[in-house]
Amino acid sequence: MRHRLQVLLDEDEHRALKAAARRRDASMSEYVRAVLRESWGDAPSAPIEVKLAVIREAAAHAWPTADPEEMEAQIRAGALRGLE
């Protein structure tokens, strides 16, 4: 059995939805159904309080790090080493 859902959008939202559907080469209805199906898999796996506690715990530590450009150079050098 199919059910109808009515959603009211303002002009900007409608224009954005239409453009997004066009980028996927889909009708607006097909696009909305696909996005809804995708969103059902995105339900949080843990309560927000638990996630925040994990973030706070991680932030309390001093993790080793390096300059981003230096890290990228090292990664590229390592990746290219095998191509010589």
PDB file of N, CA and C in Angstrom:
ATOM      1  N   MET A   1       0.845  -1.174   0.000  1.00  0.00           N
ATOM      2  CA  MET A   1       0.000   0.000   0.000  1.00  0.00           C
ATOM      3  C   MET A   1       0.895   1.243   0.000  1.00  0.00           C
ATOM      4  N   ARG A   2       0.539   2.230  -0.772  1.00  0.00           N
ATOM      5  CA  ARG A   2       1.292   3.478  -0.841  1.00  0.00           C
ATOM      6  C   ARG A   2       0.547   4.570  -0.090  1.00  0.00           C
ATOM      7  N   HIS A   3       1.303   5.489   0.478  1.00  0.00           N
ATOM      8  CA  HIS A   3       0.725   6.613   1.211  1.00  0.00           C
ATOM      9  C   HIS A   3       1.286   7.902   0.651  1.00  0.00           C
ATOM     10  N   ARG A   4       0.495   8.924   0.665  1.00  0.00           N
ATOM     11  CA  ARG A   4       0.904  10.230   0.170  1.00  0.00           C
ATOM     12  C   ARG A   4       1.356  11.079   1.347  1.00  0.00           C
ATOM     13  N   LEU A   5       2.437  11.834   1.136  1.00  0.00           N
ATOM     14  CA  LEU A   5       2.956  12.753   2.132  1.00  0.00           C
ATOM     15  C   LEU A   5       3.068  14.121   1.479  1.00  0.00           C
ATOM     16  N   GLN A   6       2.525  15.123   2.107  1.00  0.00           N
ATOM     17  CA  GLN A   6       2.606  16.479   1.574  1.00  0.00           C
ATOM     18  C   GLN A   6       3.580  17.290   2.424  1.00  0.00           C
ATOM     19  N   VAL A   7       4.549  17.906   1.759  1.00  0.00           N
ATOM     20  CA  VAL A   7       5.534  18.743   2.427  1.00  0.00           C
ATOM     21  C   VAL A   7       5.536  20.090   1.715  1.00  0.00           C
ATOM     22  N   LEU A   8       5.369  21.158   2.481  1.00  0.00           N
ATOM     23  CA  LEU A   8       5.371  22.490   1.897  1.00  0.00           C
ATOM     24  C   LEU A   8       6.759  23.094   1.995  1.00  0.00           C
ATOM     25  N   LEU A   9       7.280  23.586   0.856  1.00  0.00           N
ATOM     26  CA  LEU A   9       8.603  24.181   0.782  1.00  0.00           C
ATOM     27  C   LEU A   9       8.491  25.621   0.316  1.00  0.00           C
ATOM     28  N   ASP A  10       9.413  26.453   0.773  1.00  0.00           N
ATOM     29  CA  ASP A  10       9.435  27.807   0.210  1.00  0.00           C
ATOM     30  C   ASP A  10      10.162  27.736  -1.133  1.00  0.00           C
ATOM     31  N   GLU A  11      10.207  28.828  -1.850  1.00  0.00           N
ATOM     32  CA  GLU A  11      10.775  28.840  -3.204  1.00  0.00           C
ATOM     33  C   GLU A  11      12.236  28.389  -3.222  1.00  0.00           C
ATOM     34  N   ASP A  12      13.038  28.884  -2.285  1.00  0.00           N
ATOM     35  CA  ASP A  12      14.455  28.520  -2.251  1.00  0.00           C
ATOM     36  C   ASP A  12      14.650  27.033  -1.987  1.00  0.00           C
ATOM     37  N   GLU A  13      13.874  26.482  -1.051  1.00  0.00           N
ATOM     38  CA  GLU A  13      13.970  25.058  -0.752  1.00  0.00           C
ATOM     39  C   GLU A  13      13.558  24.217  -1.962  1.00  0.00           C
ATOM     40  N   HIS A  14      12.489  24.638  -2.620  1.00  0.00           N
ATOM     41  CA  HIS A  14      12.004  23.919  -3.792  1.00  0.00           C
ATOM     42  C   HIS A  14      13.043  23.939  -4.902  1.00  0.00           C
ATOM     43  N   ARG A  15      13.641  25.090  -5.119  1.00  0.00           N
ATOM     44  CA  ARG A  15      14.663  25.240  -6.153  1.00  0.00           C
ATOM     45  C   ARG A  15      15.875  24.349  -5.830  1.00  0.00           C
ATOM     46  N   ALA A  16      16.293  24.340  -4.560  1.00  0.00           N
ATOM     47  CA  ALA A  16      17.433  23.518  -4.150  1.00  0.00           C
ATOM     48  C   ALA A  16      17.125  22.031  -4.296  1.00  0.00           C
ATOM     49  N   LEU A  17      15.925  21.614  -3.925  1.00  0.00           N
ATOM     50  CA  LEU A  17      15.521  20.225  -4.047  1.00  0.00           C
ATOM     51  C   LEU A  17      15.491  19.798  -5.511  1.00  0.00           C
ATOM     52  N   LYS A  18      14.951  20.646  -6.339  1.00  0.00           N
ATOM     53  CA  LYS A  18      14.872  20.347  -7.769  1.00  0.00           C
ATOM     54  C   LYS A  18      16.266  20.199  -8.374  1.00  0.00           C
ATOM     55  N   ALA A  19      17.180  21.093  -7.984  1.00  0.00           N
ATOM     56  CA  ALA A  19      18.554  21.038  -8.493  1.00  0.00           C
ATOM     57  C   ALA A  19      19.258  19.765  -8.011  1.00  0.00           C
ATOM     58  N   ALA A  20      19.051  19.396  -6.746  1.00  0.00           N
ATOM     59  CA  ALA A  20      19.678  18.188  -6.201  1.00  0.00           C
ATOM     60  C   ALA A  20      19.168  16.948  -6.928  1.00  0.00           C
ATOM     61  N   ALA A  21      17.873  16.894  -7.193  1.00  0.00           N
ATOM     62  CA  ALA A  21      17.297  15.758  -7.913  1.00  0.00           C
ATOM     63  C   ALA A  21      17.856  15.700  -9.333  1.00  0.00           C
ATOM     64  N   ARG A  22      17.991  16.843  -9.960  1.00  0.00           N
ATOM     65  CA  ARG A  22      18.517  16.906 -11.322  1.00  0.00           C
ATOM     66  C   ARG A  22      19.961  16.383 -11.363  1.00  0.00           C
ATOM     67  N   ARG A  23      20.765  16.732 -10.320  1.00  0.00           N
ATOM     68  CA  ARG A  23      22.149  16.261 -10.271  1.00  0.00           C
ATOM     69  C   ARG A  23      22.223  14.737 -10.197  1.00  0.00           C
ATOM     70  N   ARG A  24      21.227  14.123  -9.586  1.00  0.00           N
ATOM     71  CA  ARG A  24      21.178  12.654  -9.495  1.00  0.00           C
ATOM     72  C   ARG A  24      20.399  12.041 -10.650  1.00  0.00           C
ATOM     73  N   ASP A  25      19.981  12.879 -11.571  1.00  0.00           N
ATOM     74  CA  ASP A  25      19.193  12.426 -12.727  1.00  0.00           C
ATOM     75  C   ASP A  25      17.960  11.654 -12.258  1.00  0.00           C
ATOM     76  N   ALA A  26      17.245  12.253 -11.299  1.00  0.00           N
ATOM     77  CA  ALA A  26      16.053  11.625 -10.725  1.00  0.00           C
ATOM     78  C   ALA A  26      14.937  12.657 -10.648  1.00  0.00           C
ATOM     79  N   SER A  27      13.719  12.160 -10.559  1.00  0.00           N
ATOM     80  CA  SER A  27      12.603  13.074 -10.313  1.00  0.00           C
ATOM     81  C   SER A  27      12.709  13.551  -8.865  1.00  0.00           C
ATOM     82  N   MET A  28      11.990  14.618  -8.552  1.00  0.00           N
ATOM     83  CA  MET A  28      12.010  15.110  -7.176  1.00  0.00           C
ATOM     84  C   MET A  28      11.478  14.055  -6.217  1.00  0.00           C
ATOM     85  N   SER A  29      10.426  13.353  -6.610  1.00  0.00           N
ATOM     86  CA  SER A  29       9.858  12.314  -5.742  1.00  0.00           C
ATOM     87  C   SER A  29      10.846  11.183  -5.506  1.00  0.00           C
ATOM     88  N   GLU A  30      11.513  10.728  -6.579  1.00  0.00           N
ATOM     89  CA  GLU A  30      12.504   9.665  -6.438  1.00  0.00           C
ATOM     90  C   GLU A  30      13.640  10.115  -5.514  1.00  0.00           C
ATOM     91  N   TYR A  31      14.078  11.352  -5.705  1.00  0.00           N
ATOM     92  CA  TYR A  31      15.173  11.878  -4.903  1.00  0.00           C
ATOM     93  C   TYR A  31      14.780  11.949  -3.420  1.00  0.00           C
ATOM     94  N   VAL A  32      13.597  12.464  -3.137  1.00  0.00           N
ATOM     95  CA  VAL A  32      13.143  12.582  -1.747  1.00  0.00           C
ATOM     96  C   VAL A  32      13.033  11.198  -1.106  1.00  0.00           C
ATOM     97  N   ARG A  33      12.473  10.224  -1.827  1.00  0.00           N
ATOM     98  CA  ARG A  33      12.373   8.868  -1.274  1.00  0.00           C
ATOM     99  C   ARG A  33      13.759   8.298  -0.986  1.00  0.00           C
ATOM    100  N   ALA A  34      14.715   8.515  -1.893  1.00  0.00           N
ATOM    101  CA  ALA A  34      16.079   8.007  -1.690  1.00  0.00           C
ATOM    102  C   ALA A  34      16.737   8.658  -0.478  1.00  0.00           C
ATOM    103  N   VAL A  35      16.564   9.962  -0.337  1.00  0.00           N
ATOM    104  CA  VAL A  35      17.161  10.668   0.801  1.00  0.00           C
ATOM    105  C   VAL A  35      16.539  10.196   2.108  1.00  0.00           C
ATOM    106  N   LEU A  36      15.243   9.987   2.111  1.00  0.00           N
ATOM    107  CA  LEU A  36      14.579   9.485   3.314  1.00  0.00           C
ATOM    108  C   LEU A  36      15.100   8.097   3.674  1.00  0.00           C
ATOM    109  N   ARG A  37      15.221   7.205   2.673  1.00  0.00           N
ATOM    110  CA  ARG A  37      15.738   5.861   2.952  1.00  0.00           C
ATOM    111  C   ARG A  37      17.161   5.927   3.504  1.00  0.00           C
ATOM    112  N   GLU A  38      18.001   6.798   2.935  1.00  0.00           N
ATOM    113  CA  GLU A  38      19.375   6.964   3.420  1.00  0.00           C
ATOM    114  C   GLU A  38      19.383   7.466   4.864  1.00  0.00           C
ATOM    115  N   SER A  39      18.477   8.361   5.192  1.00  0.00           N
ATOM    116  CA  SER A  39      18.473   8.964   6.526  1.00  0.00           C
ATOM    117  C   SER A  39      18.081   7.959   7.606  1.00  0.00           C
ATOM    118  N   TRP A  40      17.320   6.953   7.262  1.00  0.00           N
ATOM    119  CA  TRP A  40      16.905   5.969   8.255  1.00  0.00           C
ATOM    120  C   TRP A  40      18.092   5.192   8.790  1.00  0.00           C
ATOM    121  N   GLY A  41      19.154   5.070   8.029  1.00  0.00           N
ATOM    122  CA  GLY A  41      20.341   4.365   8.483  1.00  0.00           C
ATOM    123  C   GLY A  41      21.250   5.237   9.317  1.00  0.00           C
ATOM    124  N   ASP A  42      20.949   6.518   9.425  1.00  0.00           N
ATOM    125  CA  ASP A  42      21.808   7.455  10.131  1.00  0.00           C
ATOM    126  C   ASP A  42      21.382   7.693  11.573  1.00  0.00           C
ATOM    127  N   ALA A  43      20.529   6.838  12.095  1.00  0.00           N
ATOM    128  CA  ALA A  43      20.085   7.032  13.474  1.00  0.00           C
ATOM    129  C   ALA A  43      21.278   6.907  14.410  1.00  0.00           C
ATOM    130  N   PRO A  44      21.371   7.749  15.413  1.00  0.00           N
ATOM    131  CA  PRO A  44      22.502   7.685  16.346  1.00  0.00           C
ATOM    132  C   PRO A  44      22.606   6.305  16.984  1.00  0.00           C
ATOM    133  N   SER A  45      23.830   5.811  17.089  1.00  0.00           N
ATOM    134  CA  SER A  45      24.034   4.491  17.680  1.00  0.00           C
ATOM    135  C   SER A  45      24.152   4.556  19.192  1.00  0.00           C
ATOM    136  N   ALA A  46      24.402   5.745  19.716  1.00  0.00           N
ATOM    137  CA  ALA A  46      24.519   5.916  21.172  1.00  0.00           C
ATOM    138  C   ALA A  46      23.890   7.254  21.538  1.00  0.00           C
ATOM    139  N   PRO A  47      23.419   7.368  22.764  1.00  0.00           N
ATOM    140  CA  PRO A  47      22.842   8.644  23.197  1.00  0.00           C
ATOM    141  C   PRO A  47      23.885   9.762  23.129  1.00  0.00           C
ATOM    142  N   ILE A  48      23.443  10.966  22.903  1.00  0.00           N
ATOM    143  CA  ILE A  48      24.326  12.116  22.768  1.00  0.00           C
ATOM    144  C   ILE A  48      25.202  12.296  24.003  1.00  0.00           C
ATOM    145  N   GLU A  49      24.682  11.982  25.183  1.00  0.00           N
ATOM    146  CA  GLU A  49      25.460  12.125  26.410  1.00  0.00           C
ATOM    147  C   GLU A  49      26.695  11.222  26.387  1.00  0.00           C
ATOM    148  N   VAL A  50      26.526  10.009  25.866  1.00  0.00           N
ATOM    149  CA  VAL A  50      27.641   9.067  25.771  1.00  0.00           C
ATOM    150  C   VAL A  50      28.676   9.577  24.781  1.00  0.00           C
ATOM    151  N   LYS A  51      28.213  10.072  23.651  1.00  0.00           N
ATOM    152  CA  LYS A  51      29.136  10.594  22.635  1.00  0.00           C
ATOM    153  C   LYS A  51      29.918  11.790  23.173  1.00  0.00           C
ATOM    154  N   LEU A  52      29.234  12.676  23.879  1.00  0.00           N
ATOM    155  CA  LEU A  52      29.915  13.834  24.450  1.00  0.00           C
ATOM    156  C   LEU A  52      30.947  13.419  25.496  1.00  0.00           C
ATOM    157  N   ALA A  53      30.631  12.415  26.287  1.00  0.00           N
ATOM    158  CA  ALA A  53      31.575  11.931  27.289  1.00  0.00           C
ATOM    159  C   ALA A  53      32.833  11.381  26.620  1.00  0.00           C
ATOM    160  N   VAL A  54      32.676  10.679  25.524  1.00  0.00           N
ATOM    161  CA  VAL A  54      33.825  10.140  24.787  1.00  0.00           C
ATOM    162  C   VAL A  54      34.673  11.279  24.241  1.00  0.00           C
ATOM    163  N   ILE A  55      34.032  12.293  23.688  1.00  0.00           N
ATOM    164  CA  ILE A  55      34.766  13.445  23.145  1.00  0.00           C
ATOM    165  C   ILE A  55      35.517  14.167  24.254  1.00  0.00           C
ATOM    166  N   ARG A  56      34.862  14.367  25.389  1.00  0.00           N
ATOM    167  CA  ARG A  56      35.528  15.046  26.517  1.00  0.00           C
ATOM    168  C   ARG A  56      36.723  14.250  27.008  1.00  0.00           C
ATOM    169  N   GLU A  57      36.589  12.937  27.075  1.00  0.00           N
ATOM    170  CA  GLU A  57      37.691  12.075  27.501  1.00  0.00           C
ATOM    171  C   GLU A  57      38.859  12.176  26.523  1.00  0.00           C
ATOM    172  N   ALA A  58      38.570  12.123  25.248  1.00  0.00           N
ATOM    173  CA  ALA A  58      39.634  12.215  24.243  1.00  0.00           C
ATOM    174  C   ALA A  58      40.311  13.578  24.282  1.00  0.00           C
ATOM    175  N   ALA A  59      39.541  14.634  24.507  1.00  0.00           N
ATOM    176  CA  ALA A  59      40.096  15.989  24.530  1.00  0.00           C
ATOM    177  C   ALA A  59      40.998  16.211  25.740  1.00  0.00           C
ATOM    178  N   ALA A  60      40.878  15.385  26.767  1.00  0.00           N
ATOM    179  CA  ALA A  60      41.686  15.546  27.974  1.00  0.00           C
ATOM    180  C   ALA A  60      43.113  15.037  27.772  1.00  0.00           C
ATOM    181  N   HIS A  61      43.376  14.331  26.686  1.00  0.00           N
ATOM    182  CA  HIS A  61      44.695  13.751  26.439  1.00  0.00           C
ATOM    183  C   HIS A  61      45.516  14.646  25.510  1.00  0.00           C
ATOM    184  N   ALA A  62      46.828  14.499  25.592  1.00  0.00           N
ATOM    185  CA  ALA A  62      47.744  15.215  24.694  1.00  0.00           C
ATOM    186  C   ALA A  62      48.232  14.212  23.651  1.00  0.00           C
ATOM    187  N   TRP A  63      47.566  14.173  22.529  1.00  0.00           N
ATOM    188  CA  TRP A  63      47.912  13.226  21.472  1.00  0.00           C
ATOM    189  C   TRP A  63      49.063  13.783  20.646  1.00  0.00           C
ATOM    190  N   PRO A  64      49.956  12.912  20.165  1.00  0.00           N
ATOM    191  CA  PRO A  64      51.037  13.408  19.303  1.00  0.00           C
ATOM    192  C   PRO A  64      50.472  13.890  17.971  1.00  0.00           C
ATOM    193  N   THR A  65      51.066  14.943  17.455  1.00  0.00           N
ATOM    194  CA  THR A  65      50.622  15.479  16.183  1.00  0.00           C
ATOM    195  C   THR A  65      51.793  16.152  15.491  1.00  0.00           C
ATOM    196  N   ALA A  66      51.567  16.612  14.291  1.00  0.00           N
ATOM    197  CA  ALA A  66      52.616  17.292  13.526  1.00  0.00           C
ATOM    198  C   ALA A  66      51.968  18.345  12.654  1.00  0.00           C
ATOM    199  N   ASP A  67      52.804  19.133  12.044  1.00  0.00           N
ATOM    200  CA  ASP A  67      52.324  20.138  11.112  1.00  0.00           C
ATOM    201  C   ASP A  67      51.623  19.429   9.949  1.00  0.00           C
ATOM    202  N   PRO A  68      50.415  19.856   9.556  1.00  0.00           N
ATOM    203  CA  PRO A  68      49.682  19.171   8.481  1.00  0.00           C
ATOM    204  C   PRO A  68      50.473  19.080   7.176  1.00  0.00           C
ATOM    205  N   GLU A  69      51.192  20.131   6.812  1.00  0.00           N
ATOM    206  CA  GLU A  69      51.965  20.100   5.559  1.00  0.00           C
ATOM    207  C   GLU A  69      53.106  19.091   5.654  1.00  0.00           C
ATOM    208  N   GLU A  70      53.729  19.012   6.833  1.00  0.00           N
ATOM    209  CA  GLU A  70      54.809  18.044   7.033  1.00  0.00           C
ATOM    210  C   GLU A  70      54.270  16.617   6.957  1.00  0.00           C
ATOM    211  N   MET A  71      53.095  16.377   7.581  1.00  0.00           N
ATOM    212  CA  MET A  71      52.487  15.050   7.532  1.00  0.00           C
ATOM    213  C   MET A  71      52.155  14.668   6.091  1.00  0.00           C
ATOM    214  N   GLU A  72      51.594  15.606   5.328  1.00  0.00           N
ATOM    215  CA  GLU A  72      51.244  15.310   3.944  1.00  0.00           C
ATOM    216  C   GLU A  72      52.485  14.980   3.128  1.00  0.00           C
ATOM    217  N   ALA A  73      53.567  15.729   3.337  1.00  0.00           N
ATOM    218  CA  ALA A  73      54.820  15.465   2.620  1.00  0.00           C
ATOM    219  C   ALA A  73      55.341  14.070   2.953  1.00  0.00           C
ATOM    220  N   GLN A  74      55.255  13.687   4.224  1.00  0.00           N
ATOM    221  CA  GLN A  74      55.719  12.363   4.625  1.00  0.00           C
ATOM    222  C   GLN A  74      54.848  11.263   4.023  1.00  0.00           C
ATOM    223  N   ILE A  75      53.562  11.484   3.983  1.00  0.00           N
ATOM    224  CA  ILE A  75      52.639  10.503   3.394  1.00  0.00           C
ATOM    225  C   ILE A  75      52.940  10.338   1.914  1.00  0.00           C
ATOM    226  N   ARG A  76      53.078  11.461   1.202  1.00  0.00           N
ATOM    227  CA  ARG A  76      53.366  11.406  -0.236  1.00  0.00           C
ATOM    228  C   ARG A  76      54.709  10.729  -0.496  1.00  0.00           C
ATOM    229  N   ALA A  77      55.719  11.049   0.311  1.00  0.00           N
ATOM    230  CA  ALA A  77      57.029  10.440   0.123  1.00  0.00           C
ATOM    231  C   ALA A  77      56.943   8.925   0.316  1.00  0.00           C
ATOM    232  N   GLY A  78      56.202   8.490   1.320  1.00  0.00           N
ATOM    233  CA  GLY A  78      56.046   7.067   1.556  1.00  0.00           C
ATOM    234  C   GLY A  78      55.278   6.377   0.442  1.00  0.00           C
ATOM    235  N   ALA A  79      54.254   7.045  -0.070  1.00  0.00           N
ATOM    236  CA  ALA A  79      53.436   6.462  -1.139  1.00  0.00           C
ATOM    237  C   ALA A  79      54.231   6.388  -2.431  1.00  0.00           C
ATOM    238  N   LEU A  80      55.064   7.372  -2.698  1.00  0.00           N
ATOM    239  CA  LEU A  80      55.836   7.402  -3.934  1.00  0.00           C
ATOM    240  C   LEU A  80      57.038   6.456  -3.869  1.00  0.00           C
ATOM    241  N   ARG A  81      57.468   6.122  -2.672  1.00  0.00           N
ATOM    242  CA  ARG A  81      58.646   5.258  -2.515  1.00  0.00           C
ATOM    243  C   ARG A  81      58.458   3.936  -3.247  1.00  0.00           C
ATOM    244  N   GLY A  82      57.278   3.402  -3.219  1.00  0.00           N
ATOM    245  CA  GLY A  82      57.017   2.127  -3.878  1.00  0.00           C
ATOM    246  C   GLY A  82      56.897   2.234  -5.378  1.00  0.00           C
ATOM    247  N   LEU A  83      56.810   3.435  -5.934  1.00  0.00           N
ATOM    248  CA  LEU A  83      56.626   3.615  -7.374  1.00  0.00           C
ATOM    249  C   LEU A  83      57.953   3.808  -8.105  1.00  0.00           C
ATOM    250  N   GLU A  84      59.041   3.915  -7.372  1.00  0.00           N
ATOM    251  CA  GLU A  84      60.332   4.169  -8.015  1.00  0.00           C
ATOM    252  C   GLU A  84      60.874   2.945  -8.684  1.00  0.00           C
TER     253      GLU A  84
END
